[in-house]
C-alpha atoms as a PDB file:
ATOM      1  CA  MET A   1     -40.987 -12.668  20.741  1.00  0.00           C
ATOM      2  CA  GLY A   2     -40.598 -14.414  17.448  1.00  0.00           C
ATOM      3  CA  ASN A   3     -38.521 -17.208  16.085  1.00  0.00           C
ATOM      4  CA  ASN A   4     -35.788 -14.856  14.959  1.00  0.00           C
ATOM      5  CA  ASP A   5     -35.245 -13.753  18.325  1.00  0.00           C
ATOM      6  CA  SER A   6     -34.923 -16.834  19.658  1.00  0.00           C
ATOM      7  CA  ASN A   7     -32.478 -18.022  16.931  1.00  0.00           C
ATOM      8  CA  ALA A   8     -30.092 -15.112  17.521  1.00  0.00           C
ATOM      9  CA  SER A   9     -30.178 -16.277  21.126  1.00  0.00           C
ATOM     10  CA  SER A  10     -28.703 -19.481  20.183  1.00  0.00           C
ATOM     11  CA  ILE A  11     -26.477 -18.205  17.614  1.00  0.00           C
ATOM     12  CA  GLY A  12     -24.947 -15.909  20.614  1.00  0.00           C
ATOM     13  CA  ASP A  13     -24.664 -18.809  23.056  1.00  0.00           C
ATOM     14  CA  SER A  14     -22.552 -20.751  20.394  1.00  0.00           C
ATOM     15  CA  LEU A  15     -20.704 -17.881  19.574  1.00  0.00           C
ATOM     16  CA  LEU A  16     -19.604 -17.701  23.100  1.00  0.00           C
ATOM     17  CA  LYS A  17     -18.563 -21.369  23.538  1.00  0.00           C
ATOM     18  CA  ILE A  18     -16.129 -20.769  20.538  1.00  0.00           C
ATOM     19  CA  PRO A  19     -12.785 -21.461  21.855  1.00  0.00           C
ATOM     20  CA  PRO A  20     -10.205 -18.109  22.041  1.00  0.00           C
ATOM     21  CA  LYS A  21      -7.571 -19.923  20.103  1.00  0.00           C
ATOM     22  CA  ILE A  22      -6.529 -20.027  16.621  1.00  0.00           C
ATOM     23  CA  ARG A  23      -4.309 -22.010  14.424  1.00  0.00           C
ATOM     24  CA  VAL A  24      -2.516 -20.234  11.554  1.00  0.00           C
ATOM     25  CA  THR A  25       0.633 -21.036   9.244  1.00  0.00           C
ATOM     26  CA  VAL A  26       3.316 -18.092   8.899  1.00  0.00           C
ATOM     27  CA  ARG A  27       6.650 -17.846   7.691  1.00  0.00           C
ATOM     28  CA  GLY A  28       8.192 -16.359  10.839  1.00  0.00           C
ATOM     29  CA  MET A  29       7.985 -14.148  13.666  1.00  0.00           C
ATOM     30  CA  ASN A  30       7.605 -10.782  11.711  1.00  0.00           C
ATOM     31  CA  ASP A  31       4.514 -12.138  10.192  1.00  0.00           C
ATOM     32  CA  VAL A  32       2.986 -12.704  13.473  1.00  0.00           C
ATOM     33  CA  LYS A  33       4.038  -9.423  14.898  1.00  0.00           C
ATOM     34  CA  TRP A  34       2.240  -7.501  12.204  1.00  0.00           C
ATOM     35  CA  TRP A  35      -0.926  -9.779  12.420  1.00  0.00           C
ATOM     36  CA  VAL A  36      -1.010  -9.116  16.286  1.00  0.00           C
ATOM     37  CA  LEU A  37      -0.316  -5.472  15.645  1.00  0.00           C
ATOM     38  CA  GLY A  38      -3.382  -5.939  13.096  1.00  0.00           C
ATOM     39  CA  TYR A  39      -5.336  -6.353  15.777  1.00  0.00           C
ATOM     40  CA  ALA A  40      -4.220  -3.532  18.426  1.00  0.00           C
ATOM     41  CA  LYS A  41      -6.114  -3.239  21.369  1.00  0.00           C
ATOM     42  CA  GLY A  42      -7.876  -6.508  21.049  1.00  0.00           C
ATOM     43  CA  SER A  43      -4.389  -8.231  20.924  1.00  0.00           C
ATOM     44  CA  VAL A  44      -1.943  -9.011  23.815  1.00  0.00           C
ATOM     45  CA  VAL A  45       1.261 -11.520  23.301  1.00  0.00           C
ATOM     46  CA  ARG A  46       2.077 -13.498  26.242  1.00  0.00           C
ATOM     47  CA  ASP A  47       4.641 -16.286  24.874  1.00  0.00           C
ATOM     48  CA  PRO A  48       7.086 -16.636  23.107  1.00  0.00           C
ATOM     49  CA  PRO A  49       9.407 -13.969  25.014  1.00  0.00           C
ATOM     50  CA  GLU A  50      10.874 -13.251  21.628  1.00  0.00           C
ATOM     51  CA  LEU A  51       7.757 -12.028  19.663  1.00  0.00           C
ATOM     52  CA  VAL A  52       6.734 -10.375  23.158  1.00  0.00           C
ATOM     53  CA  ALA A  53       9.834  -8.471  22.833  1.00  0.00           C
ATOM     54  CA  MET A  54       9.411  -7.635  19.085  1.00  0.00           C
ATOM     55  CA  VAL A  55       5.545  -6.245  19.643  1.00  0.00           C
ATOM     56  CA  LYS A  56       7.045  -4.231  22.614  1.00  0.00           C
ATOM     57  CA  GLU A  57       9.486  -2.705  20.337  1.00  0.00           C
ATOM     58  CA  GLU A  58       7.395  -1.983  17.492  1.00  0.00           C
ATOM     59  CA  LEU A  59       4.964  -0.188  19.968  1.00  0.00           C
ATOM     60  CA  ARG A  60       7.815   2.078  21.505  1.00  0.00           C
ATOM     61  CA  ARG A  61       8.536   2.829  17.784  1.00  0.00           C
ATOM     62  CA  MET A  62       4.988   4.116  17.429  1.00  0.00           C
ATOM     63  CA  ILE A  63       4.906   6.301  20.428  1.00  0.00           C
ATOM     64  CA  GLN A  64       7.922   7.658  19.216  1.00  0.00           C
ATOM     65  CA  ARG A  65       6.268   8.923  16.148  1.00  0.00           C
ATOM     66  CA  TYR A  66       3.440  10.512  17.988  1.00  0.00           C
ATOM     67  CA  ARG A  67       5.602  12.396  20.498  1.00  0.00           C
ATOM     68  CA  GLU A  68       8.086  13.100  17.353  1.00  0.00           C
ATOM     69  CA  VAL A  69       4.932  15.004  15.581  1.00  0.00           C
ATOM     70  CA  GLY A  70       3.766  16.813  18.467  1.00  0.00           C
ATOM     71  CA  HIS A  71       0.744  14.200  19.560  1.00  0.00           C
ATOM     72  CA  GLY A  72       2.218  12.748  23.179  1.00  0.00           C
ATOM     73  CA  SER A  73       1.891   9.792  23.968  1.00  0.00           C
ATOM     74  CA  GLY A  74      -0.379   8.960  26.883  1.00  0.00           C
ATOM     75  CA  PHE A  75       2.312   6.799  28.153  1.00  0.00           C
ATOM     76  CA  THR A  76       4.686   6.946  31.243  1.00  0.00           C
ATOM     77  CA  SER A  77       7.654   4.577  31.706  1.00  0.00           C
ATOM     78  CA  ALA A  78       5.689   2.786  34.509  1.00  0.00           C
ATOM     79  CA  ASP A  79       3.248   1.318  31.053  1.00  0.00           C
ATOM     80  CA  GLY A  80       6.621  -0.610  30.505  1.00  0.00           C
ATOM     81  CA  LEU A  81       6.812   0.765  26.799  1.00  0.00           C
END
């Protein structure tokens, strides 16, 4: 194995050490909601409760749109949406 393999390994190790937090400046909760929804399956809102509610409501609306066009949703009421 060459030096490139060693370098790739150390870069991968470095990426694993990056904290999973970021800091951004936004104008309001609506901006955050759209940012979170842009990452879809890779994001989870835990706080604040107001943002959790906003994201869940948007997801409800999206599911409803899929139901209206005949695609179902794959969700049940047990999913909390």
